[in-house]
Amino acid sequence: MNWDIVEGKWSQFKGKAKEQWGELTNDDLDVVAGKKDQLAGKIQERYGKTKDEAEREVNKWSDSL
């Protein structure tokens, strides 16, 4: 899915992101506000992943929407 759509409808996709990455808090998702790079950064921070791993996960997740 085009990330611009995800960003524009972030409030609808926050729940799906929470399902995918349960360690992210609602506050984390509010701060992200649909920004792809910030979502990857929060995943890095919470899960101890590399930047590339987190970006791959975000891309895979958005493709599945």
Protein backbone atom coordinates (compact mmCIF):
# COMPACT_ATOMS: atom_id res chain seq x y z
CA MET A 1 0.00 0.00 0.00
CA ASN A 2 1.18 3.49 -0.74
CA TRP A 3 2.59 4.94 2.47
CA ASP A 4 0.85 8.28 1.82
CA ILE A 5 -2.46 6.46 2.31
CA VAL A 6 -1.23 4.90 5.55
CA GLU A 7 -0.04 8.27 6.80
CA GLY A 8 -3.31 9.96 5.85
CA LYS A 9 -5.41 7.32 7.60
CA TRP A 10 -3.06 6.67 10.51
CA SER A 11 -5.82 6.64 13.10
CA GLN A 12 -7.37 3.69 11.25
CA PHE A 13 -4.07 1.84 10.94
CA LYS A 14 -2.82 2.37 14.51
CA GLY A 15 -4.74 -0.69 15.71
CA LYS A 16 -3.19 -2.87 13.03
CA ALA A 17 0.25 -1.56 13.94
CA LYS A 18 -0.46 -2.34 17.61
CA GLU A 19 -1.44 -5.91 16.63
CA GLN A 20 1.80 -6.31 14.67
CA TRP A 21 4.09 -4.72 17.25
CA GLY A 22 2.48 -5.22 20.64
CA GLU A 23 5.36 -3.67 22.56
CA LEU A 24 4.65 -0.27 21.03
CA THR A 25 2.52 1.86 23.31
CA ASN A 26 -0.38 4.03 22.25
CA ASP A 27 1.84 7.01 23.04
CA ASP A 28 4.51 5.62 20.69
CA LEU A 29 1.94 5.29 17.93
CA ASP A 30 0.60 8.79 18.57
CA VAL A 31 4.11 10.22 18.29
CA VAL A 32 4.74 8.27 15.07
CA ALA A 33 1.59 9.83 13.56
CA GLY A 34 1.98 7.78 10.39
CA LYS A 35 5.59 8.72 9.69
CA LYS A 36 7.30 5.65 8.26
CA ASP A 37 10.80 6.48 9.48
CA GLN A 38 9.54 7.22 12.99
CA LEU A 39 7.66 3.91 13.10
CA ALA A 40 10.82 2.07 12.10
CA GLY A 41 12.74 3.98 14.79
CA LYS A 42 10.24 3.00 17.49
CA ILE A 43 10.45 -0.64 16.39
CA GLN A 44 14.25 -0.43 16.57
CA GLU A 45 14.04 1.03 20.04
CA ARG A 46 11.47 -1.38 21.50
CA TYR A 47 12.66 -4.59 19.83
CA GLY A 48 16.42 -3.99 19.56
CA LYS A 49 16.45 -4.45 15.79
CA THR A 50 18.78 -2.89 13.29
CA LYS A 51 17.55 0.00 11.17
CA ASP A 52 17.41 -2.25 8.09
CA GLU A 53 15.44 -4.96 9.93
CA ALA A 54 12.92 -2.44 11.23
CA GLU A 55 12.49 -0.83 7.81
CA ARG A 56 11.97 -4.25 6.18
CA GLU A 57 9.29 -5.08 8.77
CA VAL A 58 7.50 -1.78 8.18
CA ASN A 59 7.60 -2.30 4.40
CA LYS A 60 6.34 -5.86 4.69
CA TRP A 61 3.56 -4.74 7.04
CA SER A 62 2.42 -1.90 4.77
CA ASP A 63 2.43 -4.23 1.75
CA SER A 64 0.08 -6.57 3.61
CA LEU A 65 -2.51 -3.87 4.28
